[in-house]
Amino acid sequence: MSNSAVVESVALALREAERSQTAIAPIRPQLGGESADVDIAYAVQEANTKRALAEGRRLVGRKIGLTSVAVQKQLGVDSPDFGMLFADMAFGDGEAIPAGLLIQPKVEAEIALVLKADLTQEKHTYADIISATDYALPAIEVVDSRIENWKISLIDTVADNASSAGFVLGSKPVKLENLDLVNCKMVMTRGDEVVSQGVGRACLSNPLNAAVWLADEMVRRGRPLLAGDIVLTGALGPMVVAHPGDEFKVEIEGFGSVVAVFAAE
């Protein structure tokens, strides 16, 4: 098969897995195995992005993944990855996420930036990101691999929209000048149990590092970040498995809180 045929075949398999809520075997063997170039995985992601847009879904932002150095080392990479956020992936603060919608969901606590200006430079700076940010919010990303048992490599997760499935934003916007992005503490609880903790610097030493990387990468790949876009900058602590009936509350110092609820079966 040609590369384009392989890309379309893998993209279709991932769409079908999501539609049927049935995980599939790792896809990296079809894309060249462990030595595959990440660009072919992004080509799969882009094929499904184009399909989603053609079907009328609205692109509202991006998520940044692999912002932990430890996780990068685990997967043998030296940079983050990204995935697309669509409007139908958004859930309200405290709104129940329907049972049966996802395959094997997990949650991560993140800082979200909402943009008020386009980011179209070849190389961005902190100043560009700060000037383009309207406000920040606490967020919970819902990740879900369409690959069986989360047996993923970089190639698998990138092709699979960086394992993104949904997100919940807090409802009290905060200006960046009122925040300590590096030292802010994060606590995630499930009921009375603390299930994840972290700090701003866990995200590439500063979430702005992740945002700069994303802005540059999106220009390079022809989908620059635009005014109104949401940017999930990356996890502040370990991800946690989500079960039906779980309720997670994330509190980030200076940002307030946000709650993700998974409906009982």
Protein backbone atom coordinates (compact mmCIF):
# COMPACT_ATOMS: atom_id res chain seq x y z
CA MET A 1 0.00 0.00 0.00
CA SER A 2 1.11 3.57 -0.60
CA ASN A 3 1.73 5.86 2.35
CA SER A 4 -1.48 7.76 1.64
CA ALA A 5 -3.49 4.53 1.53
CA VAL A 6 -1.95 3.39 4.82
CA VAL A 7 -2.76 6.74 6.42
CA GLU A 8 -6.39 6.57 5.29
CA SER A 9 -6.70 2.93 6.40
CA VAL A 10 -5.38 3.65 9.89
CA ALA A 11 -7.46 6.83 10.17
CA LEU A 12 -10.59 4.82 9.32
CA ALA A 13 -9.70 2.14 11.88
CA LEU A 14 -9.38 4.79 14.61
CA ARG A 15 -12.70 6.40 13.63
CA GLU A 16 -14.43 3.04 13.74
CA ALA A 17 -12.88 2.25 17.13
CA GLU A 18 -14.19 5.51 18.52
CA ARG A 19 -17.62 5.07 16.92
CA SER A 20 -18.04 1.51 18.21
CA GLN A 21 -16.30 2.22 21.53
CA THR A 22 -14.12 -0.83 20.91
CA ALA A 23 -10.36 -0.56 21.32
CA ILE A 24 -8.08 -1.92 18.62
CA ALA A 25 -4.56 -3.35 18.57
CA PRO A 26 -1.64 -0.91 18.41
CA ILE A 27 -1.42 0.72 14.99
CA ARG A 28 2.30 1.46 14.94
CA PRO A 29 3.18 -1.73 12.97
CA GLN A 30 1.09 -0.41 10.07
CA LEU A 31 2.84 2.97 10.22
CA GLY A 32 6.40 1.66 10.22
CA GLY A 33 6.84 0.25 13.71
CA GLU A 34 9.09 1.72 16.38
CA SER A 35 11.25 3.44 13.76
CA ALA A 36 8.32 5.23 12.12
CA ASP A 37 8.58 8.96 11.53
CA VAL A 38 6.13 10.86 13.72
CA ASP A 39 5.01 12.81 10.64
CA ILE A 40 3.09 9.80 9.35
CA ALA A 41 1.25 9.62 12.67
CA TYR A 42 0.38 13.31 12.38
CA ALA A 43 -0.83 12.62 8.83
CA VAL A 44 -3.31 10.12 10.29
CA GLN A 45 -4.43 12.71 12.86
CA GLU A 46 -4.80 15.33 10.13
CA ALA A 47 -6.86 12.95 7.98
CA ASN A 48 -9.32 12.54 10.84
CA THR A 49 -9.26 16.27 11.56
CA LYS A 50 -10.23 17.00 7.95
CA ARG A 51 -12.98 14.38 8.13
CA ALA A 52 -14.32 15.90 11.36
CA LEU A 53 -14.36 19.41 9.87
CA ALA A 54 -16.08 18.12 6.73
CA GLU A 55 -18.75 16.57 8.95
CA GLY A 56 -19.41 19.96 10.53
CA ARG A 57 -17.54 19.59 13.81
CA ARG A 58 -16.04 22.84 15.11
CA LEU A 59 -12.34 23.04 15.96
CA VAL A 60 -11.97 25.08 19.17
CA GLY A 61 -8.39 24.49 20.27
CA ARG A 62 -5.55 22.07 20.93
CA LYS A 63 -4.25 19.91 23.73
CA ILE A 64 -0.57 19.47 24.48
CA GLY A 65 0.60 16.06 25.63
CA LEU A 66 3.88 14.54 26.79
CA THR A 67 4.83 17.62 28.80
CA SER A 68 6.40 15.48 31.52
CA VAL A 69 10.11 14.77 31.01
CA ALA A 70 9.64 11.40 32.72
CA VAL A 71 6.92 10.39 30.26
CA GLN A 72 9.01 11.64 27.33
CA LYS A 73 11.87 9.41 28.43
CA GLN A 74 9.47 6.50 28.82
CA LEU A 75 8.37 6.89 25.19
CA GLY A 76 11.85 7.76 23.92
CA VAL A 77 11.02 11.26 22.70
CA ASP A 78 12.32 14.73 23.46
CA SER A 79 9.32 16.92 22.69
CA PRO A 80 5.61 17.15 23.47
CA ASP A 81 2.81 16.21 21.08
CA PHE A 82 -0.55 17.79 20.27
CA GLY A 83 -4.14 16.86 19.49
CA MET A 84 -7.25 18.67 18.29
CA LEU A 85 -10.07 19.89 20.52
CA PHE A 86 -13.57 20.06 19.04
CA ALA A 87 -16.61 21.78 20.52
CA ASP A 88 -18.42 18.47 20.98
CA MET A 89 -15.60 17.28 23.26
CA ALA A 90 -16.40 19.98 25.83
CA PHE A 91 -18.36 19.22 28.99
CA GLY A 92 -19.59 21.75 31.53
CA ASP A 93 -18.15 22.15 35.02
CA GLY A 94 -19.96 19.46 37.03
CA GLU A 95 -21.95 18.21 34.02
CA ALA A 96 -22.24 14.42 33.84
CA ILE A 97 -20.21 12.81 31.07
CA PRO A 98 -22.55 10.11 29.70
CA ALA A 99 -21.78 6.49 30.52
CA GLY A 100 -20.72 4.36 27.56
CA LEU A 101 -19.32 7.32 25.63
CA LEU A 102 -15.66 6.41 26.21
CA ILE A 103 -13.59 3.23 26.14
CA GLN A 104 -10.96 3.47 28.89
CA PRO A 105 -10.96 7.07 30.14
CA LYS A 106 -8.48 8.77 32.41
CA VAL A 107 -8.30 12.35 33.68
CA GLU A 108 -5.52 14.92 34.00
CA ALA A 109 -5.45 18.32 35.71
CA GLU A 110 -4.26 21.14 33.47
CA ILE A 111 -4.06 24.89 32.98
CA ALA A 112 -6.06 26.14 30.00
CA LEU A 113 -5.28 29.33 28.11
CA VAL A 114 -7.94 31.05 26.00
CA LEU A 115 -6.58 33.24 23.23
CA LYS A 116 -7.71 36.69 22.10
CA ALA A 117 -5.27 37.01 19.19
CA ASP A 118 -3.82 34.81 16.46
CA LEU A 119 -0.40 33.24 16.90
CA THR A 120 1.10 33.11 13.41
CA GLN A 121 4.81 33.81 13.84
CA GLU A 122 7.40 31.22 12.84
CA LYS A 123 9.02 31.58 16.29
CA HIS A 124 7.02 32.77 19.29
CA THR A 125 8.13 34.19 22.62
CA TYR A 126 6.65 34.34 26.11
CA ALA A 127 5.63 37.89 25.30
CA ASP A 128 3.69 36.70 22.25
CA ILE A 129 1.83 34.08 24.28
CA ILE A 130 1.09 36.44 27.18
CA SER A 131 -0.12 39.19 24.85
CA ALA A 132 -2.32 36.76 22.93
CA THR A 133 -3.89 35.20 26.05
CA ASP A 134 -7.23 36.61 27.12
CA TYR A 135 -7.50 34.57 30.34
CA ALA A 136 -6.65 31.26 31.97
CA LEU A 137 -8.87 28.58 33.52
CA PRO A 138 -8.41 25.40 35.54
CA ALA A 139 -9.20 22.40 33.37
CA ILE A 140 -9.58 18.65 33.41
CA GLU A 141 -8.66 16.80 30.25
CA VAL A 142 -10.40 13.51 29.65
CA VAL A 143 -8.05 11.22 27.77
CA ASP A 144 -9.10 7.93 26.18
CA SER A 145 -6.99 5.65 24.04
CA ARG A 146 -8.58 3.82 21.15
CA ILE A 147 -5.65 1.39 21.52
CA GLU A 148 -6.19 -1.72 23.65
CA ASN A 149 -5.09 -1.44 27.28
CA TRP A 150 -3.27 1.85 26.66
CA LYS A 151 -0.38 -0.06 25.05
CA ILE A 152 0.76 3.00 23.19
CA SER A 153 3.94 4.37 21.70
CA LEU A 154 4.43 7.93 20.47
CA ILE A 155 3.20 6.85 17.03
CA ASP A 156 0.00 5.33 18.42
CA THR A 157 -0.96 8.28 20.57
CA VAL A 158 -0.17 10.97 17.97
CA ALA A 159 -2.23 9.20 15.31
CA ASP A 160 -5.02 8.78 17.88
CA ASN A 161 -5.41 12.57 18.35
CA ALA A 162 -2.90 12.48 21.21
CA SER A 163 -5.34 10.22 23.09
CA SER A 164 -7.70 13.14 23.63
CA ALA A 165 -11.42 12.58 24.16
CA GLY A 166 -12.89 15.48 26.12
CA PHE A 167 -12.28 18.41 28.43
CA VAL A 168 -13.91 20.35 31.22
CA LEU A 169 -13.11 24.02 31.79
CA GLY A 170 -13.61 25.99 34.98
CA SER A 171 -15.97 28.94 34.79
CA LYS A 172 -14.04 31.73 36.52
CA PRO A 173 -11.52 33.31 34.13
CA VAL A 174 -8.29 34.63 35.63
CA LYS A 175 -5.78 37.01 34.06
CA LEU A 176 -2.21 35.73 33.71
CA GLU A 177 -0.76 38.66 35.67
CA ASN A 178 -2.58 37.38 38.77
CA LEU A 179 -1.11 33.87 38.54
CA ASP A 180 2.09 32.04 39.42
CA LEU A 181 2.26 29.55 36.57
CA VAL A 182 5.40 27.86 37.89
CA ASN A 183 4.69 27.45 41.61
CA CYS A 184 0.91 27.04 41.66
CA LYS A 185 -0.06 23.84 43.47
CA MET A 186 -2.62 21.40 42.07
CA VAL A 187 -4.67 18.86 44.01
CA MET A 188 -7.10 16.42 42.40
CA THR A 189 -9.58 14.57 44.60
CA ARG A 190 -12.07 11.79 43.97
CA GLY A 191 -14.54 12.14 46.79
CA ASP A 192 -12.42 12.55 49.92
CA GLU A 193 -9.37 10.84 48.40
CA VAL A 194 -6.43 12.80 46.97
CA VAL A 195 -5.61 10.97 43.71
CA SER A 196 -3.15 13.33 42.01
CA GLN A 197 -0.98 16.25 43.04
CA GLY A 198 1.39 18.49 41.18
CA VAL A 199 2.67 21.96 40.50
CA GLY A 200 2.88 24.30 37.51
CA ARG A 201 6.52 23.54 36.81
CA ALA A 202 5.61 19.88 36.16
CA CYS A 203 4.50 21.08 32.72
CA LEU A 204 7.83 21.57 30.90
CA SER A 205 9.11 23.70 33.82
CA ASN A 206 6.51 26.37 32.93
CA PRO A 207 3.22 25.95 31.02
CA LEU A 208 4.29 28.85 28.80
CA ASN A 209 7.10 26.63 27.47
CA ALA A 210 4.45 24.21 26.28
CA ALA A 211 2.37 27.00 24.77
CA VAL A 212 5.36 28.43 22.87
CA TRP A 213 6.19 24.96 21.51
CA LEU A 214 2.60 24.44 20.38
CA ALA A 215 2.29 27.85 18.73
CA ASP A 216 5.45 27.25 16.71
CA GLU A 217 4.48 23.69 15.82
CA MET A 218 0.99 24.64 14.66
CA VAL A 219 2.40 27.31 12.32
CA ARG A 220 4.87 24.76 10.95
CA ARG A 221 2.05 22.29 10.31
CA GLY A 222 -0.31 24.80 8.72
CA ARG A 223 -2.96 25.04 11.46
CA PRO A 224 -1.92 28.11 13.50
CA LEU A 225 -3.62 28.94 16.77
CA LEU A 226 -6.29 31.61 16.33
CA ALA A 227 -8.19 34.06 18.50
CA GLY A 228 -10.76 32.20 20.59
CA ASP A 229 -8.79 28.95 20.64
CA ILE A 230 -8.46 26.96 23.86
CA VAL A 231 -5.03 25.57 24.71
CA LEU A 232 -4.73 22.77 27.26
CA THR A 233 -1.10 23.23 28.23
CA GLY A 234 -0.37 19.80 29.73
CA ALA A 235 -0.75 17.73 32.86
CA LEU A 236 0.33 19.11 36.24
CA GLY A 237 0.29 15.67 37.88
CA PRO A 238 -0.21 11.97 37.18
CA MET A 239 -3.26 10.90 35.18
CA VAL A 240 -5.94 8.92 37.00
CA VAL A 241 -8.26 6.17 35.71
CA ALA A 242 -11.92 7.23 35.63
CA HIS A 243 -14.74 4.80 36.41
CA PRO A 244 -18.51 5.23 36.01
CA GLY A 245 -19.85 7.19 38.97
CA ASP A 246 -16.54 8.93 39.72
CA GLU A 247 -16.45 12.64 40.48
CA PHE A 248 -13.13 14.46 40.28
CA LYS A 249 -12.43 17.92 41.66
CA VAL A 250 -9.30 19.79 40.67
CA GLU A 251 -8.12 22.82 42.62
CA ILE A 252 -5.21 24.86 41.30
CA GLU A 253 -3.76 27.60 43.47
CA GLY A 254 -4.84 30.97 42.10
CA PHE A 255 -7.17 29.43 39.49
CA GLY A 256 -10.02 28.05 41.56
CA SER A 257 -11.59 24.68 40.90
CA VAL A 258 -13.24 22.54 38.23
CA VAL A 259 -15.22 19.30 38.51
CA ALA A 260 -15.55 16.38 36.09
CA VAL A 261 -18.38 13.91 36.71
CA PHE A 262 -18.69 10.48 35.07
CA ALA A 263 -22.26 9.24 35.01
CA ALA A 264 -22.97 5.87 36.60
CA GLU A 265 -23.80 3.05 34.23
